[in-house]
PDB file of N, CA and C in Angstrom:
ATOM      1  N   UNK A   1       9.282  -1.697  -9.917  1.00  0.00           N
ATOM      2  CA  UNK A   1       9.647  -2.450  -8.746  1.00  0.00           C
ATOM      3  C   UNK A   1       9.202  -3.898  -8.867  1.00  0.00           C
ATOM      4  N   UNK A   2       8.013  -4.089  -9.424  1.00  0.00           N
ATOM      5  CA  UNK A   2       7.505  -5.454  -9.560  1.00  0.00           C
ATOM      6  C   UNK A   2       8.381  -6.280 -10.491  1.00  0.00           C
ATOM      7  N   UNK A   3       8.790  -5.651 -11.595  1.00  0.00           N
ATOM      8  CA  UNK A   3       9.600  -6.363 -12.588  1.00  0.00           C
ATOM      9  C   UNK A   3      10.948  -6.742 -11.993  1.00  0.00           C
ATOM     10  N   UNK A   4      11.563  -5.810 -11.300  1.00  0.00           N
ATOM     11  CA  UNK A   4      12.863  -6.083 -10.700  1.00  0.00           C
ATOM     12  C   UNK A   4      12.752  -7.148  -9.623  1.00  0.00           C
ATOM     13  N   UNK A   5      11.696  -7.083  -8.828  1.00  0.00           N
ATOM     14  CA  UNK A   5      11.486  -8.098  -7.790  1.00  0.00           C
ATOM     15  C   UNK A   5      11.327  -9.492  -8.391  1.00  0.00           C
ATOM     16  N   UNK A   6      10.529  -9.577  -9.450  1.00  0.00           N
ATOM     17  CA  UNK A   6      10.335 -10.896 -10.088  1.00  0.00           C
ATOM     18  C   UNK A   6      11.619 -11.372 -10.753  1.00  0.00           C
ATOM     19  N   UNK A   7      12.399 -10.447 -11.298  1.00  0.00           N
ATOM     20  CA  UNK A   7      13.666 -10.828 -11.918  1.00  0.00           C
ATOM     21  C   UNK A   7      14.604 -11.447 -10.878  1.00  0.00           C
ATOM     22  N   UNK A   8      14.637 -10.837  -9.686  1.00  0.00           N
ATOM     23  CA  UNK A   8      15.478 -11.384  -8.619  1.00  0.00           C
ATOM     24  C   UNK A   8      14.982 -12.747  -8.156  1.00  0.00           C
ATOM     25  N   UNK A   9      13.662 -12.915  -8.065  1.00  0.00           N
ATOM     26  CA  UNK A   9      13.119 -14.213  -7.654  1.00  0.00           C
ATOM     27  C   UNK A   9      13.413 -15.289  -8.696  1.00  0.00           C
ATOM     28  N   UNK A  10      13.290 -14.937  -9.967  1.00  0.00           N
ATOM     29  CA  UNK A  10      13.629 -15.897 -11.028  1.00  0.00           C
ATOM     30  C   UNK A  10      15.108 -16.264 -10.980  1.00  0.00           C
ATOM     31  N   UNK A  11      15.939 -15.279 -10.693  1.00  0.00           N
ATOM     32  CA  UNK A  11      17.381 -15.528 -10.589  1.00  0.00           C
ATOM     33  C   UNK A  11      17.669 -16.460  -9.412  1.00  0.00           C
ATOM     34  N   UNK A  12      16.951 -16.273  -8.301  1.00  0.00           N
ATOM     35  CA  UNK A  12      17.139 -17.144  -7.137  1.00  0.00           C
ATOM     36  C   UNK A  12      16.733 -18.578  -7.443  1.00  0.00           C
ATOM     37  N   UNK A  13      15.679 -18.748  -8.250  1.00  0.00           N
ATOM     38  CA  UNK A  13      15.202 -20.086  -8.603  1.00  0.00           C
ATOM     39  C   UNK A  13      15.957 -20.688  -9.784  1.00  0.00           C
ATOM     40  N   UNK A  14      16.843 -19.907 -10.350  1.00  0.00           N
ATOM     41  CA  UNK A  14      17.618 -20.332 -11.524  1.00  0.00           C
ATOM     42  C   UNK A  14      16.713 -20.730 -12.692  1.00  0.00           C
ATOM     43  N   UNK A  15      15.711 -19.899 -12.941  1.00  0.00           N
ATOM     44  CA  UNK A  15      14.856 -20.112 -14.107  1.00  0.00           C
ATOM     45  C   UNK A  15      14.752 -18.803 -14.868  1.00  0.00           C
ATOM     46  N   UNK A  16      14.403 -18.888 -16.142  1.00  0.00           N
ATOM     47  CA  UNK A  16      14.292 -17.710 -16.987  1.00  0.00           C
ATOM     48  C   UNK A  16      12.847 -17.561 -17.445  1.00  0.00           C
ATOM     49  N   UNK A  17      12.581 -16.484 -18.146  1.00  0.00           N
ATOM     50  CA  UNK A  17      11.236 -16.283 -18.693  1.00  0.00           C
ATOM     51  C   UNK A  17      10.931 -17.294 -19.788  1.00  0.00           C
ATOM     52  N   UNK A  18      11.954 -17.811 -20.404  1.00  0.00           N
ATOM     53  CA  UNK A  18      11.744 -18.831 -21.444  1.00  0.00           C
ATOM     54  C   UNK A  18      11.183 -20.125 -20.877  1.00  0.00           C
ATOM     55  N   UNK A  19      11.383 -20.344 -19.578  1.00  0.00           N
ATOM     56  CA  UNK A  19      10.842 -21.549 -18.950  1.00  0.00           C
ATOM     57  C   UNK A  19       9.327 -21.477 -18.794  1.00  0.00           C
ATOM     58  N   UNK A  20       8.758 -20.283 -18.937  1.00  0.00           N
ATOM     59  CA  UNK A  20       7.311 -20.034 -18.879  1.00  0.00           C
ATOM     60  C   UNK A  20       6.683 -20.535 -17.578  1.00  0.00           C
ATOM     61  N   UNK A  21       7.334 -20.187 -16.466  1.00  0.00           N
ATOM     62  CA  UNK A  21       6.788 -20.507 -15.151  1.00  0.00           C
ATOM     63  C   UNK A  21       6.061 -19.269 -14.646  1.00  0.00           C
ATOM     64  N   UNK A  22       4.843 -19.448 -14.141  1.00  0.00           N
ATOM     65  CA  UNK A  22       4.039 -18.305 -13.682  1.00  0.00           C
ATOM     66  C   UNK A  22       4.668 -17.652 -12.462  1.00  0.00           C
ATOM     67  N   UNK A  23       4.413 -16.352 -12.342  1.00  0.00           N
ATOM     68  CA  UNK A  23       4.968 -15.584 -11.228  1.00  0.00           C
ATOM     69  C   UNK A  23       4.491 -16.125  -9.879  1.00  0.00           C
ATOM     70  N   UNK A  24       3.228 -16.517  -9.802  1.00  0.00           N
ATOM     71  CA  UNK A  24       2.685 -17.038  -8.548  1.00  0.00           C
ATOM     72  C   UNK A  24       3.401 -18.311  -8.129  1.00  0.00           C
ATOM     73  N   UNK A  25       3.727 -19.164  -9.107  1.00  0.00           N
ATOM     74  CA  UNK A  25       4.438 -20.407  -8.794  1.00  0.00           C
ATOM     75  C   UNK A  25       5.832 -20.118  -8.250  1.00  0.00           C
ATOM     76  N   UNK A  26       6.486 -19.111  -8.805  1.00  0.00           N
ATOM     77  CA  UNK A  26       7.823 -18.746  -8.328  1.00  0.00           C
ATOM     78  C   UNK A  26       7.733 -18.156  -6.924  1.00  0.00           C
ATOM     79  N   UNK A  27       6.739 -17.298  -6.677  1.00  0.00           N
ATOM     80  CA  UNK A  27       6.580 -16.720  -5.335  1.00  0.00           C
ATOM     81  C   UNK A  27       6.276 -17.800  -4.303  1.00  0.00           C
ATOM     82  N   UNK A  28       5.465 -18.811  -4.689  1.00  0.00           N
ATOM     83  CA  UNK A  28       5.173 -19.913  -3.773  1.00  0.00           C
ATOM     84  C   UNK A  28       6.420 -20.734  -3.481  1.00  0.00           C
ATOM     85  N   UNK A  29       7.235 -20.922  -4.480  1.00  0.00           N
ATOM     86  CA  UNK A  29       8.454 -21.711  -4.313  1.00  0.00           C
ATOM     87  C   UNK A  29       9.432 -21.013  -3.361  1.00  0.00           C
ATOM     88  N   UNK A  30       9.532 -19.686  -3.482  1.00  0.00           N
ATOM     89  CA  UNK A  30      10.467 -18.930  -2.652  1.00  0.00           C
ATOM     90  C   UNK A  30       9.809 -18.497  -1.332  1.00  0.00           C
ATOM     91  N   UNK A  31       8.481 -18.600  -1.257  1.00  0.00           N
ATOM     92  CA  UNK A  31       7.690 -18.187  -0.094  1.00  0.00           C
ATOM     93  C   UNK A  31       7.836 -16.695   0.191  1.00  0.00           C
ATOM     94  N   UNK A  32       7.540 -15.892  -0.832  1.00  0.00           N
ATOM     95  CA  UNK A  32       7.635 -14.438  -0.740  1.00  0.00           C
ATOM     96  C   UNK A  32       6.301 -13.843  -1.186  1.00  0.00           C
ATOM     97  N   UNK A  33       5.848 -12.810  -0.498  1.00  0.00           N
ATOM     98  CA  UNK A  33       4.618 -12.117  -0.879  1.00  0.00           C
ATOM     99  C   UNK A  33       4.924 -11.133  -2.004  1.00  0.00           C
ATOM    100  N   UNK A  34       3.892 -10.704  -2.696  1.00  0.00           N
ATOM    101  CA  UNK A  34       4.083  -9.763  -3.797  1.00  0.00           C
ATOM    102  C   UNK A  34       4.403  -8.366  -3.253  1.00  0.00           C
ATOM    103  N   UNK A  35       4.963  -7.533  -4.100  1.00  0.00           N
ATOM    104  CA  UNK A  35       5.333  -6.171  -3.714  1.00  0.00           C
ATOM    105  C   UNK A  35       4.080  -5.374  -3.373  1.00  0.00           C
ATOM    106  N   UNK A  36       3.018  -5.569  -4.135  1.00  0.00           N
ATOM    107  CA  UNK A  36       1.763  -4.860  -3.862  1.00  0.00           C
ATOM    108  C   UNK A  36       1.246  -5.162  -2.457  1.00  0.00           C
ATOM    109  N   UNK A  37       1.288  -6.437  -2.071  1.00  0.00           N
ATOM    110  CA  UNK A  37       0.806  -6.807  -0.749  1.00  0.00           C
ATOM    111  C   UNK A  37       1.620  -6.134   0.350  1.00  0.00           C
ATOM    112  N   UNK A  38       2.916  -6.067   0.171  1.00  0.00           N
ATOM    113  CA  UNK A  38       3.779  -5.435   1.169  1.00  0.00           C
ATOM    114  C   UNK A  38       3.531  -3.926   1.249  1.00  0.00           C
ATOM    115  N   UNK A  39       3.281  -3.302   0.105  1.00  0.00           N
ATOM    116  CA  UNK A  39       2.991  -1.859   0.102  1.00  0.00           C
ATOM    117  C   UNK A  39       1.667  -1.588   0.801  1.00  0.00           C
ATOM    118  N   UNK A  40       0.630  -2.405   0.502  1.00  0.00           N
ATOM    119  CA  UNK A  40      -0.657  -2.250   1.183  1.00  0.00           C
ATOM    120  C   UNK A  40      -0.489  -2.418   2.684  1.00  0.00           C
ATOM    121  N   UNK A  41       0.273  -3.438   3.066  1.00  0.00           N
ATOM    122  CA  UNK A  41       0.465  -3.724   4.483  1.00  0.00           C
ATOM    123  C   UNK A  41       1.114  -2.546   5.208  1.00  0.00           C
ATOM    124  N   UNK A  42       2.165  -1.993   4.630  1.00  0.00           N
ATOM    125  CA  UNK A  42       2.854  -0.884   5.296  1.00  0.00           C
ATOM    126  C   UNK A  42       2.000   0.380   5.294  1.00  0.00           C
ATOM    127  N   UNK A  43       1.269   0.621   4.224  1.00  0.00           N
ATOM    128  CA  UNK A  43       0.410   1.811   4.155  1.00  0.00           C
ATOM    129  C   UNK A  43      -0.713   1.735   5.188  1.00  0.00           C
ATOM    130  N   UNK A  44      -1.332   0.562   5.311  1.00  0.00           N
ATOM    131  CA  UNK A  44      -2.416   0.405   6.276  1.00  0.00           C
ATOM    132  C   UNK A  44      -1.888   0.379   7.707  1.00  0.00           C
ATOM    133  N   UNK A  45      -0.662  -0.090   7.912  1.00  0.00           N
ATOM    134  CA  UNK A  45      -0.053  -0.048   9.237  1.00  0.00           C
ATOM    135  C   UNK A  45       0.141   1.402   9.674  1.00  0.00           C
ATOM    136  N   UNK A  46       0.602   2.241   8.743  1.00  0.00           N
ATOM    137  CA  UNK A  46       0.789   3.658   9.058  1.00  0.00           C
ATOM    138  C   UNK A  46      -0.563   4.329   9.322  1.00  0.00           C
ATOM    139  N   UNK A  47      -1.584   3.980   8.543  1.00  0.00           N
ATOM    140  CA  UNK A  47      -2.929   4.527   8.740  1.00  0.00           C
ATOM    141  C   UNK A  47      -3.436   4.179  10.135  1.00  0.00           C
ATOM    142  N   UNK A  48      -3.235   2.931  10.546  1.00  0.00           N
ATOM    143  CA  UNK A  48      -3.660   2.499  11.872  1.00  0.00           C
ATOM    144  C   UNK A  48      -2.924   3.296  12.947  1.00  0.00           C
ATOM    145  N   UNK A  49      -1.647   3.526  12.748  1.00  0.00           N
ATOM    146  CA  UNK A  49      -0.851   4.299  13.697  1.00  0.00           C
ATOM    147  C   UNK A  49      -1.376   5.737  13.803  1.00  0.00           C
ATOM    148  N   UNK A  50      -1.680   6.338  12.671  1.00  0.00           N
ATOM    149  CA  UNK A  50      -2.167   7.725  12.657  1.00  0.00           C
ATOM    150  C   UNK A  50      -3.525   7.822  13.324  1.00  0.00           C
ATOM    151  N   UNK A  51      -4.420   6.886  13.056  1.00  0.00           N
ATOM    152  CA  UNK A  51      -5.771   6.966  13.614  1.00  0.00           C
ATOM    153  C   UNK A  51      -5.801   6.764  15.122  1.00  0.00           C
ATOM    154  N   UNK A  52      -4.808   6.078  15.674  1.00  0.00           N
ATOM    155  CA  UNK A  52      -4.780   5.884  17.117  1.00  0.00           C
ATOM    156  C   UNK A  52      -4.231   7.091  17.864  1.00  0.00           C
ATOM    157  N   UNK A  53      -3.605   8.013  17.173  1.00  0.00           N
ATOM    158  CA  UNK A  53      -3.061   9.214  17.821  1.00  0.00           C
ATOM    159  C   UNK A  53      -4.204  10.129  18.246  1.00  0.00           C
ATOM    160  N   UNK A  54      -3.903  11.009  19.174  1.00  0.00           N
ATOM    161  CA  UNK A  54      -4.935  11.959  19.616  1.00  0.00           C
ATOM    162  C   UNK A  54      -5.201  12.973  18.499  1.00  0.00           C
ATOM    163  N   UNK A  55      -6.338  13.625  18.585  1.00  0.00           N
ATOM    164  CA  UNK A  55      -6.731  14.559  17.531  1.00  0.00           C
ATOM    165  C   UNK A  55      -5.817  15.781  17.508  1.00  0.00           C
ATOM    166  N   UNK A  56      -5.193  16.105  18.628  1.00  0.00           N
ATOM    167  CA  UNK A  56      -4.307  17.259  18.691  1.00  0.00           C
ATOM    168  C   UNK A  56      -2.887  16.953  18.218  1.00  0.00           C
ATOM    169  N   UNK A  57      -2.593  15.730  17.906  1.00  0.00           N
ATOM    170  CA  UNK A  57      -1.248  15.366  17.433  1.00  0.00           C
ATOM    171  C   UNK A  57      -0.985  16.033  16.076  1.00  0.00           C
ATOM    172  N   UNK A  58       0.262  16.416  15.800  1.00  0.00           N
ATOM    173  CA  UNK A  58       0.561  17.094  14.530  1.00  0.00           C
ATOM    174  C   UNK A  58       0.170  16.289  13.294  1.00  0.00           C
ATOM    175  N   UNK A  59       0.276  14.983  13.369  1.00  0.00           N
ATOM    176  CA  UNK A  59      -0.082  14.148  12.217  1.00  0.00           C
ATOM    177  C   UNK A  59      -1.570  14.247  11.930  1.00  0.00           C
ATOM    178  N   UNK A  60      -2.373  14.254  12.972  1.00  0.00           N
ATOM    179  CA  UNK A  60      -3.822  14.336  12.782  1.00  0.00           C
ATOM    180  C   UNK A  60      -4.256  15.737  12.373  1.00  0.00           C
ATOM    181  N   UNK A  61      -3.523  16.780  12.819  1.00  0.00           N
ATOM    182  CA  UNK A  61      -3.873  18.135  12.416  1.00  0.00           C
ATOM    183  C   UNK A  61      -3.680  18.333  10.921  1.00  0.00           C
ATOM    184  N   UNK A  62      -2.723  17.641  10.342  1.00  0.00           N
ATOM    185  CA  UNK A  62      -2.476  17.751   8.897  1.00  0.00           C
ATOM    186  C   UNK A  62      -3.648  17.209   8.085  1.00  0.00           C
ATOM    187  N   UNK A  63      -4.381  16.265   8.642  1.00  0.00           N
ATOM    188  CA  UNK A  63      -5.550  15.729   7.944  1.00  0.00           C
ATOM    189  C   UNK A  63      -6.630  16.790   7.763  1.00  0.00           C
ATOM    190  N   UNK A  64      -6.740  17.673   8.731  1.00  0.00           N
ATOM    191  CA  UNK A  64      -7.813  18.671   8.706  1.00  0.00           C
ATOM    192  C   UNK A  64      -7.474  19.926   7.941  1.00  0.00           C
ATOM    193  N   UNK A  65      -6.251  20.038   7.446  1.00  0.00           N
ATOM    194  CA  UNK A  65      -5.867  21.241   6.720  1.00  0.00           C
ATOM    195  C   UNK A  65      -6.676  21.376   5.436  1.00  0.00           C
ATOM    196  N   UNK A  66      -7.123  22.560   5.167  1.00  0.00           N
ATOM    197  CA  UNK A  66      -7.872  22.837   3.940  1.00  0.00           C
ATOM    198  C   UNK A  66      -6.993  23.702   3.043  1.00  0.00           C
ATOM    199  N   UNK A  67      -6.747  23.232   1.851  1.00  0.00           N
ATOM    200  CA  UNK A  67      -5.910  23.974   0.916  1.00  0.00           C
ATOM    201  C   UNK A  67      -6.788  24.573  -0.169  1.00  0.00           C
ATOM    202  N   UNK A  68      -7.554  25.574   0.203  1.00  0.00           N
ATOM    203  CA  UNK A  68      -8.500  26.173  -0.727  1.00  0.00           C
ATOM    204  C   UNK A  68      -7.813  27.110  -1.705  1.00  0.00           C
ATOM    205  N   UNK A  69      -6.780  27.800  -1.272  1.00  0.00           N
ATOM    206  CA  UNK A  69      -6.137  28.774  -2.147  1.00  0.00           C
ATOM    207  C   UNK A  69      -5.069  28.145  -3.044  1.00  0.00           C
ATOM    208  N   UNK A  70      -4.864  26.858  -2.915  1.00  0.00           N
ATOM    209  CA  UNK A  70      -3.847  26.175  -3.701  1.00  0.00           C
ATOM    210  C   UNK A  70      -4.334  25.990  -5.132  1.00  0.00           C
ATOM    211  N   UNK A  71      -3.539  26.454  -6.085  1.00  0.00           N
ATOM    212  CA  UNK A  71      -3.906  26.307  -7.496  1.00  0.00           C
ATOM    213  C   UNK A  71      -3.195  25.079  -8.040  1.00  0.00           C
ATOM    214  N   UNK A  72      -3.957  24.199  -8.636  1.00  0.00           N
ATOM    215  CA  UNK A  72      -3.399  22.961  -9.155  1.00  0.00           C
ATOM    216  C   UNK A  72      -3.087  23.110 -10.630  1.00  0.00           C
ATOM    217  N   UNK A  73      -2.108  22.363 -11.091  1.00  0.00           N
ATOM    218  CA  UNK A  73      -1.705  22.425 -12.485  1.00  0.00           C
ATOM    219  C   UNK A  73      -2.632  21.651 -13.392  1.00  0.00           C
ATOM    220  N   UNK A  74      -2.274  21.651 -14.661  1.00  0.00           N
ATOM    221  CA  UNK A  74      -3.081  20.937 -15.647  1.00  0.00           C
ATOM    222  C   UNK A  74      -2.854  19.440 -15.522  1.00  0.00           C
ATOM    223  N   UNK A  75      -3.747  18.688 -16.138  1.00  0.00           N
ATOM    224  CA  UNK A  75      -3.607  17.241 -16.163  1.00  0.00           C
ATOM    225  C   UNK A  75      -4.435  16.567 -15.092  1.00  0.00           C
ATOM    226  N   UNK A  76      -4.196  15.270 -14.965  1.00  0.00           N
ATOM    227  CA  UNK A  76      -4.938  14.479 -13.997  1.00  0.00           C
ATOM    228  C   UNK A  76      -4.523  14.893 -12.584  1.00  0.00           C
ATOM    229  N   UNK A  77      -5.491  15.094 -11.680  1.00  0.00           N
ATOM    230  CA  UNK A  77      -5.141  15.501 -10.318  1.00  0.00           C
ATOM    231  C   UNK A  77      -4.409  14.384  -9.585  1.00  0.00           C
ATOM    232  N   UNK A  78      -3.489  14.764  -8.727  1.00  0.00           N
ATOM    233  CA  UNK A  78      -2.729  13.806  -7.941  1.00  0.00           C
ATOM    234  C   UNK A  78      -3.637  13.161  -6.902  1.00  0.00           C
ATOM    235  N   UNK A  79      -3.358  11.923  -6.571  1.00  0.00           N
ATOM    236  CA  UNK A  79      -4.126  11.237  -5.542  1.00  0.00           C
ATOM    237  C   UNK A  79      -3.605  11.660  -4.177  1.00  0.00           C
ATOM    238  N   UNK A  80      -4.531  11.877  -3.280  1.00  0.00           N
ATOM    239  CA  UNK A  80      -4.176  12.178  -1.909  1.00  0.00           C
ATOM    240  C   UNK A  80      -4.020  10.874  -1.139  1.00  0.00           C
ATOM    241  N   UNK A  81      -3.325  10.948  -0.013  1.00  0.00           N
ATOM    242  CA  UNK A  81      -3.080   9.780   0.812  1.00  0.00           C
ATOM    243  C   UNK A  81      -4.398   9.165   1.280  1.00  0.00           C
ATOM    244  N   UNK A  82      -5.344   9.997   1.645  1.00  0.00           N
ATOM    245  CA  UNK A  82      -6.642   9.509   2.114  1.00  0.00           C
ATOM    246  C   UNK A  82      -7.396   8.748   1.034  1.00  0.00           C
ATOM    247  N   UNK A  83      -7.296   9.198  -0.203  1.00  0.00           N
ATOM    248  CA  UNK A  83      -7.967   8.511  -1.306  1.00  0.00           C
ATOM    249  C   UNK A  83      -7.377   7.123  -1.527  1.00  0.00           C
ATOM    250  N   UNK A  84      -6.055   7.031  -1.456  1.00  0.00           N
ATOM    251  CA  UNK A  84      -5.384   5.756  -1.659  1.00  0.00           C
ATOM    252  C   UNK A  84      -5.736   4.790  -0.529  1.00  0.00           C
ATOM    253  N   UNK A  85      -5.797   5.298   0.703  1.00  0.00           N
ATOM    254  CA  UNK A  85      -6.166   4.467   1.849  1.00  0.00           C
ATOM    255  C   UNK A  85      -7.591   3.950   1.687  1.00  0.00           C
ATOM    256  N   UNK A  86      -8.506   4.829   1.263  1.00  0.00           N
ATOM    257  CA  UNK A  86      -9.894   4.399   1.057  1.00  0.00           C
ATOM    258  C   UNK A  86      -9.986   3.310   0.000  1.00  0.00           C
ATOM    259  N   UNK A  87      -9.230   3.438  -1.080  1.00  0.00           N
ATOM    260  CA  UNK A  87      -9.229   2.407  -2.126  1.00  0.00           C
ATOM    261  C   UNK A  87      -8.693   1.086  -1.590  1.00  0.00           C
ATOM    262  N   UNK A  88      -7.609   1.147  -0.818  1.00  0.00           N
ATOM    263  CA  UNK A  88      -7.043  -0.072  -0.238  1.00  0.00           C
ATOM    264  C   UNK A  88      -8.029  -0.749   0.702  1.00  0.00           C
ATOM    265  N   UNK A  89      -8.713   0.062   1.508  1.00  0.00           N
ATOM    266  CA  UNK A  89      -9.651  -0.499   2.478  1.00  0.00           C
ATOM    267  C   UNK A  89     -10.853  -1.137   1.793  1.00  0.00           C
ATOM    268  N   UNK A  90     -11.354  -0.540   0.725  1.00  0.00           N
ATOM    269  CA  UNK A  90     -12.475  -1.162   0.011  1.00  0.00           C
ATOM    270  C   UNK A  90     -12.016  -2.418  -0.721  1.00  0.00           C
ATOM    271  N   UNK A  91     -10.798  -2.405  -1.238  1.00  0.00           N
ATOM    272  CA  UNK A  91     -10.278  -3.582  -1.925  1.00  0.00           C
ATOM    273  C   UNK A  91     -10.116  -4.756  -0.971  1.00  0.00           C
ATOM    274  N   UNK A  92      -9.655  -4.486   0.248  1.00  0.00           N
ATOM    275  CA  UNK A  92      -9.437  -5.531   1.244  1.00  0.00           C
ATOM    276  C   UNK A  92     -10.637  -5.735   2.161  1.00  0.00           C
ATOM    277  N   UNK A  93     -11.734  -5.013   1.909  1.00  0.00           N
ATOM    278  CA  UNK A  93     -12.976  -5.102   2.673  1.00  0.00           C
ATOM    279  C   UNK A  93     -12.747  -4.831   4.159  1.00  0.00           C
ATOM    280  N   UNK A  94     -12.103  -3.716   4.442  1.00  0.00           N
ATOM    281  CA  UNK A  94     -11.837  -3.292   5.812  1.00  0.00           C
ATOM    282  C   UNK A  94     -12.645  -2.041   6.115  1.00  0.00           C
ATOM    283  N   UNK A  95     -12.901  -1.813   7.391  1.00  0.00           N
ATOM    284  CA  UNK A  95     -13.573  -0.588   7.807  1.00  0.00           C
ATOM    285  C   UNK A  95     -12.624   0.210   8.691  1.00  0.00           C
ATOM    286  N   UNK A  96     -12.951   1.473   8.888  1.00  0.00           N
ATOM    287  CA  UNK A  96     -12.096   2.337   9.687  1.00  0.00           C
ATOM    288  C   UNK A  96     -12.127   1.939  11.162  1.00  0.00           C
ATOM    289  N   UNK A  97     -13.212   1.316  11.606  1.00  0.00           N
ATOM    290  CA  UNK A  97     -13.304   0.862  12.992  1.00  0.00           C
ATOM    291  C   UNK A  97     -12.301  -0.261  13.288  1.00  0.00           C
ATOM    292  N   UNK A  98     -11.980  -1.033  12.277  1.00  0.00           N
ATOM    293  CA  UNK A  98     -11.022  -2.123  12.468  1.00  0.00           C
ATOM    294  C   UNK A  98      -9.621  -1.611  12.785  1.00  0.00           C
ATOM    295  N   UNK A  99      -9.316  -0.378  12.407  1.00  0.00           N
ATOM    296  CA  UNK A  99      -7.996   0.156  12.647  1.00  0.00           C
ATOM    297  C   UNK A  99      -7.747   0.460  14.117  1.00  0.00           C
ATOM    298  N   UNK A 100      -8.817   0.716  14.864  1.00  0.00           N
ATOM    299  CA  UNK A 100      -8.663   1.056  16.275  1.00  0.00           C
ATOM    300  C   UNK A 100      -8.492  -0.173  17.158  1.00  0.00           C
ATOM    301  N   UNK A 101      -8.871  -1.339  16.656  1.00  0.00           N
ATOM    302  CA  UNK A 101      -8.780  -2.572  17.440  1.00  0.00           C
ATOM    303  C   UNK A 101      -7.547  -3.352  16.993  1.00  0.00           C
ATOM    304  N   UNK A 102      -6.583  -3.511  17.855  1.00  0.00           N
ATOM    305  CA  UNK A 102      -5.332  -4.182  17.505  1.00  0.00           C
ATOM    306  C   UNK A 102      -5.525  -5.669  17.228  1.00  0.00           C
ATOM    307  N   UNK A 103      -6.501  -6.285  17.883  1.00  0.00           N
ATOM    308  CA  UNK A 103      -6.708  -7.723  17.694  1.00  0.00           C
ATOM    309  C   UNK A 103      -7.191  -8.050  16.291  1.00  0.00           C
ATOM    310  N   UNK A 104      -7.962  -7.142  15.690  1.00  0.00           N
ATOM    311  CA  UNK A 104      -8.486  -7.372  14.340  1.00  0.00           C
ATOM    312  C   UNK A 104      -7.363  -7.191  13.352  1.00  0.00           C
TER     313      UNK A 104
END
């Protein structure tokens, strides 16, 4: 997705990779945020929405489900949504309390 996004931005600016212009300079010229930033933003927006729901809401009940009898396959374990959210929050230096306050 990142490569395709940058290809479209370069096409909009009418420059090629041979021009050796940095990606940040092209994004500044077009005034577009990176794909990673947009993904973080939407993921954390959904997290904020989920945390404001009541504990009895179906979305919140799914958080408490325990899958003890589930047998996982070989290889690296898949990341859970909660793990990815925790990584995003530590990267952006956010706390879970900030999600409950709309002004923050």
